[in-house]
Amino acid sequence: MKTVIVINGETFGKGDDELGKKLLGAFLRKLWGGEELPEVIICYNAGVKLLAKGSLVLDALDGLSLKGVEIIACGTCIDHYDLRNSMEVGRISDMAEIVSIMMSSDKVITV
């Protein structure tokens, strides 16, 4: 079963942003330490900030990448936030590939 996780922001849920950042970090670290992994993590909108220098979750994302999880960033979003030279993990893609990955997946989870 092909599972894709979509991250579209810097927080897990809405409400208190500091709490949301802690929750997202906990989610990614538990995912990294778990046995069941997604095949792909797609980051778009503010979620691409998690892939850049200074992100507090780079350890988990790098660990997931080393375990074989493909990490993809929306190129339009990377350019919008001027992060092209700051990316530490993952690769830049486009909406055509993102749509293709999502449509060919068995399960898409958005956090």
PDB file of N, CA and C in Angstrom:
ATOM      1  N   MET A   1       0.846  -1.181   0.000  1.00  0.00           N
ATOM      2  CA  MET A   1       0.000   0.000   0.000  1.00  0.00           C
ATOM      3  C   MET A   1       0.887   1.239   0.000  1.00  0.00           C
ATOM      4  N   LYS A   2       0.687   2.101  -0.979  1.00  0.00           N
ATOM      5  CA  LYS A   2       1.477   3.323  -1.077  1.00  0.00           C
ATOM      6  C   LYS A   2       0.816   4.426  -0.260  1.00  0.00           C
ATOM      7  N   THR A   3       1.536   4.893   0.765  1.00  0.00           N
ATOM      8  CA  THR A   3       1.040   5.957   1.630  1.00  0.00           C
ATOM      9  C   THR A   3       1.870   7.213   1.411  1.00  0.00           C
ATOM     10  N   VAL A   4       1.172   8.333   1.305  1.00  0.00           N
ATOM     11  CA  VAL A   4       1.801   9.641   1.148  1.00  0.00           C
ATOM     12  C   VAL A   4       1.333  10.530   2.293  1.00  0.00           C
ATOM     13  N   ILE A   5       2.259  11.251   2.894  1.00  0.00           N
ATOM     14  CA  ILE A   5       1.917  12.243   3.906  1.00  0.00           C
ATOM     15  C   ILE A   5       2.154  13.614   3.309  1.00  0.00           C
ATOM     16  N   VAL A   6       1.157  14.484   3.456  1.00  0.00           N
ATOM     17  CA  VAL A   6       1.234  15.854   2.956  1.00  0.00           C
ATOM     18  C   VAL A   6       1.339  16.791   4.151  1.00  0.00           C
ATOM     19  N   ILE A   7       2.342  17.651   4.118  1.00  0.00           N
ATOM     20  CA  ILE A   7       2.524  18.656   5.161  1.00  0.00           C
ATOM     21  C   ILE A   7       2.395  20.017   4.498  1.00  0.00           C
ATOM     22  N   ASN A   8       1.379  20.782   4.909  1.00  0.00           N
ATOM     23  CA  ASN A   8       1.122  22.066   4.260  1.00  0.00           C
ATOM     24  C   ASN A   8       1.312  23.264   5.175  1.00  0.00           C
ATOM     25  N   GLY A   9       1.944  23.052   6.319  1.00  0.00           N
ATOM     26  CA  GLY A   9       2.192  24.155   7.238  1.00  0.00           C
ATOM     27  C   GLY A   9       3.295  23.801   8.217  1.00  0.00           C
ATOM     28  N   GLU A  10       3.584  24.730   9.103  1.00  0.00           N
ATOM     29  CA  GLU A  10       4.651  24.535  10.082  1.00  0.00           C
ATOM     30  C   GLU A  10       4.142  23.975  11.405  1.00  0.00           C
ATOM     31  N   THR A  11       2.829  23.763  11.498  1.00  0.00           N
ATOM     32  CA  THR A  11       2.242  23.282  12.743  1.00  0.00           C
ATOM     33  C   THR A  11       1.355  22.074  12.486  1.00  0.00           C
ATOM     34  N   PHE A  12       1.094  21.350  13.542  1.00  0.00           N
ATOM     35  CA  PHE A  12       0.181  20.213  13.516  1.00  0.00           C
ATOM     36  C   PHE A  12      -1.117  20.712  14.130  1.00  0.00           C
ATOM     37  N   GLY A  13      -2.109  20.931  13.295  1.00  0.00           N
ATOM     38  CA  GLY A  13      -3.384  21.459  13.768  1.00  0.00           C
ATOM     39  C   GLY A  13      -3.399  22.974  13.840  1.00  0.00           C
ATOM     40  N   LYS A  14      -4.536  23.483  14.220  1.00  0.00           N
ATOM     41  CA  LYS A  14      -4.724  24.936  14.323  1.00  0.00           C
ATOM     42  C   LYS A  14      -4.952  25.308  15.778  1.00  0.00           C
ATOM     43  N   GLY A  15      -4.616  26.520  16.108  1.00  0.00           N
ATOM     44  CA  GLY A  15      -4.756  26.993  17.487  1.00  0.00           C
ATOM     45  C   GLY A  15      -3.462  27.652  17.909  1.00  0.00           C
ATOM     46  N   ASP A  16      -2.870  27.149  18.942  1.00  0.00           N
ATOM     47  CA  ASP A  16      -1.612  27.680  19.462  1.00  0.00           C
ATOM     48  C   ASP A  16      -0.456  27.201  18.571  1.00  0.00           C
ATOM     49  N   ASP A  17       0.241  28.150  17.935  1.00  0.00           N
ATOM     50  CA  ASP A  17       1.309  27.793  16.997  1.00  0.00           C
ATOM     51  C   ASP A  17       2.483  27.094  17.677  1.00  0.00           C
ATOM     52  N   GLU A  18       2.845  27.517  18.884  1.00  0.00           N
ATOM     53  CA  GLU A  18       3.965  26.878  19.583  1.00  0.00           C
ATOM     54  C   GLU A  18       3.632  25.422  19.901  1.00  0.00           C
ATOM     55  N   LEU A  19       2.424  25.183  20.356  1.00  0.00           N
ATOM     56  CA  LEU A  19       1.978  23.815  20.608  1.00  0.00           C
ATOM     57  C   LEU A  19       1.966  23.020  19.301  1.00  0.00           C
ATOM     58  N   GLY A  20       1.467  23.622  18.242  1.00  0.00           N
ATOM     59  CA  GLY A  20       1.409  22.959  16.943  1.00  0.00           C
ATOM     60  C   GLY A  20       2.775  22.566  16.416  1.00  0.00           C
ATOM     61  N   LYS A  21       3.787  23.402  16.653  1.00  0.00           N
ATOM     62  CA  LYS A  21       5.155  23.078  16.232  1.00  0.00           C
ATOM     63  C   LYS A  21       5.696  21.891  17.030  1.00  0.00           C
ATOM     64  N   LYS A  22       5.417  21.875  18.329  1.00  0.00           N
ATOM     65  CA  LYS A  22       5.849  20.746  19.158  1.00  0.00           C
ATOM     66  C   LYS A  22       5.167  19.458  18.713  1.00  0.00           C
ATOM     67  N   LEU A  23       3.875  19.553  18.421  1.00  0.00           N
ATOM     68  CA  LEU A  23       3.129  18.369  17.995  1.00  0.00           C
ATOM     69  C   LEU A  23       3.635  17.838  16.656  1.00  0.00           C
ATOM     70  N   LEU A  24       3.938  18.744  15.720  1.00  0.00           N
ATOM     71  CA  LEU A  24       4.458  18.309  14.424  1.00  0.00           C
ATOM     72  C   LEU A  24       5.821  17.638  14.592  1.00  0.00           C
ATOM     73  N   GLY A  25       6.655  18.205  15.445  1.00  0.00           N
ATOM     74  CA  GLY A  25       7.949  17.583  15.726  1.00  0.00           C
ATOM     75  C   GLY A  25       7.782  16.198  16.320  1.00  0.00           C
ATOM     76  N   ALA A  26       6.852  16.067  17.274  1.00  0.00           N
ATOM     77  CA  ALA A  26       6.599  14.766  17.891  1.00  0.00           C
ATOM     78  C   ALA A  26       6.076  13.772  16.857  1.00  0.00           C
ATOM     79  N   PHE A  27       5.171  14.222  16.005  1.00  0.00           N
ATOM     80  CA  PHE A  27       4.627  13.359  14.958  1.00  0.00           C
ATOM     81  C   PHE A  27       5.729  12.833  14.049  1.00  0.00           C
ATOM     82  N   LEU A  28       6.585  13.725  13.554  1.00  0.00           N
ATOM     83  CA  LEU A  28       7.637  13.322  12.621  1.00  0.00           C
ATOM     84  C   LEU A  28       8.657  12.404  13.290  1.00  0.00           C
ATOM     85  N   ARG A  29       8.969  12.662  14.553  1.00  0.00           N
ATOM     86  CA  ARG A  29       9.938  11.820  15.249  1.00  0.00           C
ATOM     87  C   ARG A  29       9.364  10.433  15.539  1.00  0.00           C
ATOM     88  N   LYS A  30       8.089  10.364  15.880  1.00  0.00           N
ATOM     89  CA  LYS A  30       7.445   9.053  16.095  1.00  0.00           C
ATOM     90  C   LYS A  30       7.355   8.290  14.775  1.00  0.00           C
ATOM     91  N   LEU A  31       7.058   9.004  13.712  1.00  0.00           N
ATOM     92  CA  LEU A  31       7.019   8.384  12.388  1.00  0.00           C
ATOM     93  C   LEU A  31       8.392   7.815  12.037  1.00  0.00           C
ATOM     94  N   TRP A  32       9.430   8.611  12.257  1.00  0.00           N
ATOM     95  CA  TRP A  32      10.814   8.229  11.980  1.00  0.00           C
ATOM     96  C   TRP A  32      11.206   6.975  12.780  1.00  0.00           C
ATOM     97  N   GLY A  33      10.786   6.922  14.029  1.00  0.00           N
ATOM     98  CA  GLY A  33      11.133   5.798  14.887  1.00  0.00           C
ATOM     99  C   GLY A  33      10.247   4.575  14.701  1.00  0.00           C
ATOM    100  N   GLY A  34       9.186   4.713  13.939  1.00  0.00           N
ATOM    101  CA  GLY A  34       8.244   3.622  13.759  1.00  0.00           C
ATOM    102  C   GLY A  34       8.669   2.633  12.687  1.00  0.00           C
ATOM    103  N   GLU A  35       7.934   1.554  12.630  1.00  0.00           N
ATOM    104  CA  GLU A  35       8.217   0.513  11.644  1.00  0.00           C
ATOM    105  C   GLU A  35       7.507   0.769  10.324  1.00  0.00           C
ATOM    106  N   GLU A  36       6.330   1.351  10.381  1.00  0.00           N
ATOM    107  CA  GLU A  36       5.555   1.623   9.165  1.00  0.00           C
ATOM    108  C   GLU A  36       5.843   3.047   8.691  1.00  0.00           C
ATOM    109  N   LEU A  37       6.375   3.149   7.486  1.00  0.00           N
ATOM    110  CA  LEU A  37       6.767   4.448   6.943  1.00  0.00           C
ATOM    111  C   LEU A  37       5.987   4.762   5.674  1.00  0.00           C
ATOM    112  N   PRO A  38       5.761   6.047   5.413  1.00  0.00           N
ATOM    113  CA  PRO A  38       5.173   6.411   4.119  1.00  0.00           C
ATOM    114  C   PRO A  38       6.234   6.264   3.036  1.00  0.00           C
ATOM    115  N   GLU A  39       5.784   6.177   1.812  1.00  0.00           N
ATOM    116  CA  GLU A  39       6.742   6.154   0.705  1.00  0.00           C
ATOM    117  C   GLU A  39       7.220   7.561   0.375  1.00  0.00           C
ATOM    118  N   VAL A  40       6.320   8.540   0.556  1.00  0.00           N
ATOM    119  CA  VAL A  40       6.621   9.916   0.172  1.00  0.00           C
ATOM    120  C   VAL A  40       6.060  10.868   1.213  1.00  0.00           C
ATOM    121  N   ILE A  41       6.799  11.945   1.484  1.00  0.00           N
ATOM    122  CA  ILE A  41       6.288  13.098   2.221  1.00  0.00           C
ATOM    123  C   ILE A  41       6.346  14.273   1.261  1.00  0.00           C
ATOM    124  N   ILE A  42       5.201  14.907   1.050  1.00  0.00           N
ATOM    125  CA  ILE A  42       5.115  16.074   0.168  1.00  0.00           C
ATOM    126  C   ILE A  42       4.913  17.309   1.037  1.00  0.00           C
ATOM    127  N   CYS A  43       5.755  18.311   0.825  1.00  0.00           N
ATOM    128  CA  CYS A  43       5.624  19.579   1.558  1.00  0.00           C
ATOM    129  C   CYS A  43       5.257  20.679   0.568  1.00  0.00           C
ATOM    130  N   TYR A  44       4.213  21.412   0.907  1.00  0.00           N
ATOM    131  CA  TYR A  44       3.850  22.574   0.100  1.00  0.00           C
ATOM    132  C   TYR A  44       3.391  23.699   1.012  1.00  0.00           C
ATOM    133  N   ASN A  45       3.156  24.854   0.416  1.00  0.00           N
ATOM    134  CA  ASN A  45       2.862  26.078   1.144  1.00  0.00           C
ATOM    135  C   ASN A  45       3.918  26.245   2.243  1.00  0.00           C
ATOM    136  N   ALA A  46       3.538  26.663   3.448  1.00  0.00           N
ATOM    137  CA  ALA A  46       4.526  26.918   4.502  1.00  0.00           C
ATOM    138  C   ALA A  46       5.213  25.645   4.983  1.00  0.00           C
ATOM    139  N   GLY A  47       4.705  24.484   4.602  1.00  0.00           N
ATOM    140  CA  GLY A  47       5.353  23.230   4.974  1.00  0.00           C
ATOM    141  C   GLY A  47       6.763  23.100   4.431  1.00  0.00           C
ATOM    142  N   VAL A  48       7.068  23.800   3.341  1.00  0.00           N
ATOM    143  CA  VAL A  48       8.419  23.720   2.768  1.00  0.00           C
ATOM    144  C   VAL A  48       9.462  24.335   3.706  1.00  0.00           C
ATOM    145  N   LYS A  49       9.034  25.202   4.609  1.00  0.00           N
ATOM    146  CA  LYS A  49       9.971  25.809   5.562  1.00  0.00           C
ATOM    147  C   LYS A  49      10.614  24.761   6.458  1.00  0.00           C
ATOM    148  N   LEU A  50       9.949  23.627   6.631  1.00  0.00           N
ATOM    149  CA  LEU A  50      10.481  22.558   7.470  1.00  0.00           C
ATOM    150  C   LEU A  50      11.719  21.912   6.866  1.00  0.00           C
ATOM    151  N   LEU A  51      11.932  22.096   5.567  1.00  0.00           N
ATOM    152  CA  LEU A  51      13.044  21.477   4.860  1.00  0.00           C
ATOM    153  C   LEU A  51      14.284  22.358   4.791  1.00  0.00           C
ATOM    154  N   ALA A  52      14.186  23.558   5.330  1.00  0.00           N
ATOM    155  CA  ALA A  52      15.257  24.548   5.182  1.00  0.00           C
ATOM    156  C   ALA A  52      16.079  24.711   6.463  1.00  0.00           C
ATOM    157  N   LYS A  53      17.237  25.328   6.301  1.00  0.00           N
ATOM    158  CA  LYS A  53      18.116  25.629   7.433  1.00  0.00           C
ATOM    159  C   LYS A  53      17.306  26.291   8.546  1.00  0.00           C
ATOM    160  N   GLY A  54      17.581  25.894   9.765  1.00  0.00           N
ATOM    161  CA  GLY A  54      16.914  26.477  10.918  1.00  0.00           C
ATOM    162  C   GLY A  54      15.657  25.742  11.347  1.00  0.00           C
ATOM    163  N   SER A  55      15.199  24.797  10.542  1.00  0.00           N
ATOM    164  CA  SER A  55      14.006  24.031  10.905  1.00  0.00           C
ATOM    165  C   SER A  55      14.304  23.175  12.132  1.00  0.00           C
ATOM    166  N   LEU A  56      13.345  23.111  13.032  1.00  0.00           N
ATOM    167  CA  LEU A  56      13.515  22.331  14.257  1.00  0.00           C
ATOM    168  C   LEU A  56      13.224  20.846  14.059  1.00  0.00           C
ATOM    169  N   VAL A  57      12.828  20.453  12.851  1.00  0.00           N
ATOM    170  CA  VAL A  57      12.503  19.045  12.587  1.00  0.00           C
ATOM    171  C   VAL A  57      13.403  18.423  11.521  1.00  0.00           C
ATOM    172  N   LEU A  58      14.512  19.081  11.225  1.00  0.00           N
ATOM    173  CA  LEU A  58      15.421  18.545  10.204  1.00  0.00           C
ATOM    174  C   LEU A  58      15.964  17.173  10.587  1.00  0.00           C
ATOM    175  N   ASP A  59      16.174  16.934  11.871  1.00  0.00           N
ATOM    176  CA  ASP A  59      16.690  15.626  12.293  1.00  0.00           C
ATOM    177  C   ASP A  59      15.734  14.510  11.875  1.00  0.00           C
ATOM    178  N   ALA A  60      14.455  14.706  12.141  1.00  0.00           N
ATOM    179  CA  ALA A  60      13.457  13.690  11.808  1.00  0.00           C
ATOM    180  C   ALA A  60      13.311  13.538  10.297  1.00  0.00           C
ATOM    181  N   LEU A  61      13.264  14.647   9.576  1.00  0.00           N
ATOM    182  CA  LEU A  61      13.105  14.575   8.132  1.00  0.00           C
ATOM    183  C   LEU A  61      14.329  13.948   7.473  1.00  0.00           C
ATOM    184  N   ASP A  62      15.511  14.276   7.968  1.00  0.00           N
ATOM    185  CA  ASP A  62      16.727  13.670   7.440  1.00  0.00           C
ATOM    186  C   ASP A  62      16.744  12.170   7.759  1.00  0.00           C
ATOM    187  N   GLY A  63      16.337  11.816   8.963  1.00  0.00           N
ATOM    188  CA  GLY A  63      16.277  10.411   9.342  1.00  0.00           C
ATOM    189  C   GLY A  63      15.289   9.633   8.489  1.00  0.00           C
ATOM    190  N   LEU A  64      14.134  10.238   8.218  1.00  0.00           N
ATOM    191  CA  LEU A  64      13.148   9.593   7.355  1.00  0.00           C
ATOM    192  C   LEU A  64      13.698   9.408   5.944  1.00  0.00           C
ATOM    193  N   SER A  65      14.397  10.418   5.463  1.00  0.00           N
ATOM    194  CA  SER A  65      15.007  10.336   4.137  1.00  0.00           C
ATOM    195  C   SER A  65      16.032   9.203   4.083  1.00  0.00           C
ATOM    196  N   LEU A  66      16.840   9.085   5.119  1.00  0.00           N
ATOM    197  CA  LEU A  66      17.847   8.024   5.174  1.00  0.00           C
ATOM    198  C   LEU A  66      17.207   6.636   5.246  1.00  0.00           C
ATOM    199  N   LYS A  67      15.972   6.564   5.748  1.00  0.00           N
ATOM    200  CA  LYS A  67      15.250   5.296   5.801  1.00  0.00           C
ATOM    201  C   LYS A  67      14.522   4.993   4.488  1.00  0.00           C
ATOM    202  N   GLY A  68      14.676   5.888   3.504  1.00  0.00           N
ATOM    203  CA  GLY A  68      14.100   5.629   2.187  1.00  0.00           C
ATOM    204  C   GLY A  68      12.820   6.374   1.862  1.00  0.00           C
ATOM    205  N   VAL A  69      12.371   7.242   2.765  1.00  0.00           N
ATOM    206  CA  VAL A  69      11.177   8.038   2.482  1.00  0.00           C
ATOM    207  C   VAL A  69      11.578   9.169   1.537  1.00  0.00           C
ATOM    208  N   GLU A  70      10.884   9.274   0.420  1.00  0.00           N
ATOM    209  CA  GLU A  70      11.161  10.362  -0.526  1.00  0.00           C
ATOM    210  C   GLU A  70      10.498  11.630  -0.008  1.00  0.00           C
ATOM    211  N   ILE A  71      11.253  12.702   0.065  1.00  0.00           N
ATOM    212  CA  ILE A  71      10.731  13.973   0.554  1.00  0.00           C
ATOM    213  C   ILE A  71      10.760  14.963  -0.600  1.00  0.00           C
ATOM    214  N   ILE A  72       9.579  15.500  -0.896  1.00  0.00           N
ATOM    215  CA  ILE A  72       9.407  16.359  -2.060  1.00  0.00           C
ATOM    216  C   ILE A  72       8.872  17.723  -1.630  1.00  0.00           C
ATOM    217  N   ALA A  73       9.435  18.768  -2.199  1.00  0.00           N
ATOM    218  CA  ALA A  73       9.002  20.133  -1.923  1.00  0.00           C
ATOM    219  C   ALA A  73       8.429  20.756  -3.183  1.00  0.00           C
ATOM    220  N   CYS A  74       7.362  21.496  -3.025  1.00  0.00           N
ATOM    221  CA  CYS A  74       6.751  22.255  -4.116  1.00  0.00           C
ATOM    222  C   CYS A  74       7.698  23.383  -4.526  1.00  0.00           C
ATOM    223  N   GLY A  75       8.111  23.372  -5.787  1.00  0.00           N
ATOM    224  CA  GLY A  75       9.036  24.390  -6.274  1.00  0.00           C
ATOM    225  C   GLY A  75       8.482  25.802  -6.222  1.00  0.00           C
ATOM    226  N   THR A  76       7.213  25.966  -6.551  1.00  0.00           N
ATOM    227  CA  THR A  76       6.589  27.289  -6.486  1.00  0.00           C
ATOM    228  C   THR A  76       6.634  27.823  -5.057  1.00  0.00           C
ATOM    229  N   CYS A  77       6.400  26.942  -4.102  1.00  0.00           N
ATOM    230  CA  CYS A  77       6.405  27.336  -2.693  1.00  0.00           C
ATOM    231  C   CYS A  77       7.820  27.664  -2.227  1.00  0.00           C
ATOM    232  N   ILE A  78       8.788  26.856  -2.643  1.00  0.00           N
ATOM    233  CA  ILE A  78      10.189  27.115  -2.302  1.00  0.00           C
ATOM    234  C   ILE A  78      10.592  28.495  -2.807  1.00  0.00           C
ATOM    235  N   ASP A  79      10.214  28.822  -4.035  1.00  0.00           N
ATOM    236  CA  ASP A  79      10.552  30.132  -4.599  1.00  0.00           C
ATOM    237  C   ASP A  79       9.795  31.253  -3.896  1.00  0.00           C
ATOM    238  N   HIS A  80       8.547  31.012  -3.555  1.00  0.00           N
ATOM    239  CA  HIS A  80       7.742  32.030  -2.860  1.00  0.00           C
ATOM    240  C   HIS A  80       8.404  32.438  -1.539  1.00  0.00           C
ATOM    241  N   TYR A  81       8.907  31.445  -0.808  1.00  0.00           N
ATOM    242  CA  TYR A  81       9.557  31.719   0.482  1.00  0.00           C
ATOM    243  C   TYR A  81      11.063  31.941   0.343  1.00  0.00           C
ATOM    244  N   ASP A  82      11.575  31.978  -0.892  1.00  0.00           N
ATOM    245  CA  ASP A  82      12.991  32.220  -1.185  1.00  0.00           C
ATOM    246  C   ASP A  82      13.892  31.245  -0.423  1.00  0.00           C
ATOM    247  N   LEU A  83      13.595  29.948  -0.557  1.00  0.00           N
ATOM    248  CA  LEU A  83      14.325  28.919   0.175  1.00  0.00           C
ATOM    249  C   LEU A  83      15.181  28.022  -0.704  1.00  0.00           C
ATOM    250  N   ARG A  84      15.275  28.338  -1.974  1.00  0.00           N
ATOM    251  CA  ARG A  84      15.984  27.454  -2.905  1.00  0.00           C
ATOM    252  C   ARG A  84      17.416  27.164  -2.447  1.00  0.00           C
ATOM    253  N   ASN A  85      18.098  28.132  -1.878  1.00  0.00           N
ATOM    254  CA  ASN A  85      19.482  27.943  -1.436  1.00  0.00           C
ATOM    255  C   ASN A  85      19.589  27.519   0.024  1.00  0.00           C
ATOM    256  N   SER A  86      18.453  27.314   0.673  1.00  0.00           N
ATOM    257  CA  SER A  86      18.456  26.965   2.092  1.00  0.00           C
ATOM    258  C   SER A  86      17.977  25.547   2.380  1.00  0.00           C
ATOM    259  N   MET A  87      17.585  24.827   1.359  1.00  0.00           N
ATOM    260  CA  MET A  87      17.060  23.472   1.571  1.00  0.00           C
ATOM    261  C   MET A  87      18.138  22.548   2.109  1.00  0.00           C
ATOM    262  N   GLU A  88      17.792  21.802   3.136  1.00  0.00           N
ATOM    263  CA  GLU A  88      18.714  20.862   3.758  1.00  0.00           C
ATOM    264  C   GLU A  88      18.356  19.409   3.465  1.00  0.00           C
ATOM    265  N   VAL A  89      17.096  19.147   3.157  1.00  0.00           N
ATOM    266  CA  VAL A  89      16.645  17.778   2.923  1.00  0.00           C
ATOM    267  C   VAL A  89      15.557  17.795   1.857  1.00  0.00           C
ATOM    268  N   GLY A  90      15.443  16.716   1.119  1.00  0.00           N
ATOM    269  CA  GLY A  90      14.408  16.608   0.093  1.00  0.00           C
ATOM    270  C   GLY A  90      14.848  17.156  -1.250  1.00  0.00           C
ATOM    271  N   ARG A  91      13.897  17.101  -2.172  1.00  0.00           N
ATOM    272  CA  ARG A  91      14.165  17.622  -3.510  1.00  0.00           C
ATOM    273  C   ARG A  91      12.981  18.473  -3.955  1.00  0.00           C
ATOM    274  N   ILE A  92      13.258  19.363  -4.873  1.00  0.00           N
ATOM    275  CA  ILE A  92      12.242  20.270  -5.403  1.00  0.00           C
ATOM    276  C   ILE A  92      11.547  19.603  -6.579  1.00  0.00           C
ATOM    277  N   SER A  93      10.232  19.736  -6.619  1.00  0.00           N
ATOM    278  CA  SER A  93       9.443  19.182  -7.703  1.00  0.00           C
ATOM    279  C   SER A  93       8.410  20.216  -8.150  1.00  0.00           C
ATOM    280  N   ASP A  94       7.456  19.752  -8.945  1.00  0.00           N
ATOM    281  CA  ASP A  94       6.411  20.650  -9.437  1.00  0.00           C
ATOM    282  C   ASP A  94       5.034  20.052  -9.172  1.00  0.00           C
ATOM    283  N   MET A  95       4.011  20.827  -9.430  1.00  0.00           N
ATOM    284  CA  MET A  95       2.648  20.401  -9.124  1.00  0.00           C
ATOM    285  C   MET A  95       2.220  19.206  -9.974  1.00  0.00           C
ATOM    286  N   ALA A  96       2.742  19.084 -11.182  1.00  0.00           N
ATOM    287  CA  ALA A  96       2.391  17.932 -12.017  1.00  0.00           C
ATOM    288  C   ALA A  96       2.816  16.628 -11.341  1.00  0.00           C
ATOM    289  N   GLU A  97       4.023  16.588 -10.808  1.00  0.00           N
ATOM    290  CA  GLU A  97       4.481  15.383 -10.118  1.00  0.00           C
ATOM    291  C   GLU A  97       3.716  15.176  -8.812  1.00  0.00           C
ATOM    292  N   ILE A  98       3.456  16.254  -8.093  1.00  0.00           N
ATOM    293  CA  ILE A  98       2.712  16.141  -6.835  1.00  0.00           C
ATOM    294  C   ILE A  98       1.324  15.553  -7.086  1.00  0.00           C
ATOM    295  N   VAL A  99       0.639  16.044  -8.112  1.00  0.00           N
ATOM    296  CA  VAL A  99      -0.678  15.507  -8.465  1.00  0.00           C
ATOM    297  C   VAL A  99      -0.559  14.026  -8.827  1.00  0.00           C
ATOM    298  N   SER A 100       0.426  13.686  -9.632  1.00  0.00           N
ATOM    299  CA  SER A 100       0.618  12.300 -10.057  1.00  0.00           C
ATOM    300  C   SER A 100       0.850  11.380  -8.859  1.00  0.00           C
ATOM    301  N   ILE A 101       1.693  11.792  -7.935  1.00  0.00           N
ATOM    302  CA  ILE A 101       1.978  10.981  -6.750  1.00  0.00           C
ATOM    303  C   ILE A 101       0.721  10.800  -5.911  1.00  0.00           C
ATOM    304  N   MET A 102      -0.002  11.877  -5.692  1.00  0.00           N
ATOM    305  CA  MET A 102      -1.206  11.792  -4.861  1.00  0.00           C
ATOM    306  C   MET A 102      -2.274  10.916  -5.510  1.00  0.00           C
ATOM    307  N   MET A 103      -2.439  11.038  -6.809  1.00  0.00           N
ATOM    308  CA  MET A 103      -3.482  10.275  -7.502  1.00  0.00           C
ATOM    309  C   MET A 103      -3.133   8.791  -7.645  1.00  0.00           C
ATOM    310  N   SER A 104      -1.850   8.455  -7.577  1.00  0.00           N
ATOM    311  CA  SER A 104      -1.458   7.051  -7.706  1.00  0.00           C
ATOM    312  C   SER A 104      -1.240   6.381  -6.353  1.00  0.00           C
ATOM    313  N   SER A 105      -1.525   7.099  -5.284  1.00  0.00           N
ATOM    314  CA  SER A 105      -1.339   6.562  -3.938  1.00  0.00           C
ATOM    315  C   SER A 105      -2.603   5.865  -3.442  1.00  0.00           C
ATOM    316  N   ASP A 106      -2.397   4.889  -2.564  1.00  0.00           N
ATOM    317  CA  ASP A 106      -3.513   4.210  -1.942  1.00  0.00           C
ATOM    318  C   ASP A 106      -4.101   5.032  -0.800  1.00  0.00           C
ATOM    319  N   LYS A 107      -3.222   5.786  -0.130  1.00  0.00           N
ATOM    320  CA  LYS A 107      -3.660   6.567   1.022  1.00  0.00           C
ATOM    321  C   LYS A 107      -2.876   7.869   1.062  1.00  0.00           C
ATOM    322  N   VAL A 108      -3.572   9.004   1.200  1.00  0.00           N
ATOM    323  CA  VAL A 108      -2.954  10.317   1.345  1.00  0.00           C
ATOM    324  C   VAL A 108      -3.402  10.881   2.682  1.00  0.00           C
ATOM    325  N   ILE A 109      -2.434  11.197   3.541  1.00  0.00           N
ATOM    326  CA  ILE A 109      -2.719  11.742   4.865  1.00  0.00           C
ATOM    327  C   ILE A 109      -2.196  13.162   4.896  1.00  0.00           C
ATOM    328  N   THR A 110      -3.058  14.110   5.194  1.00  0.00           N
ATOM    329  CA  THR A 110      -2.651  15.508   5.297  1.00  0.00           C
ATOM    330  C   THR A 110      -2.579  15.900   6.766  1.00  0.00           C
ATOM    331  N   VAL A 111      -1.431  16.464   7.166  1.00  0.00           N
ATOM    332  CA  VAL A 111      -1.266  16.900   8.555  1.00  0.00           C
ATOM    333  C   VAL A 111      -1.083  18.393   8.606  1.00  0.00           C
TER     334      VAL A 111
END
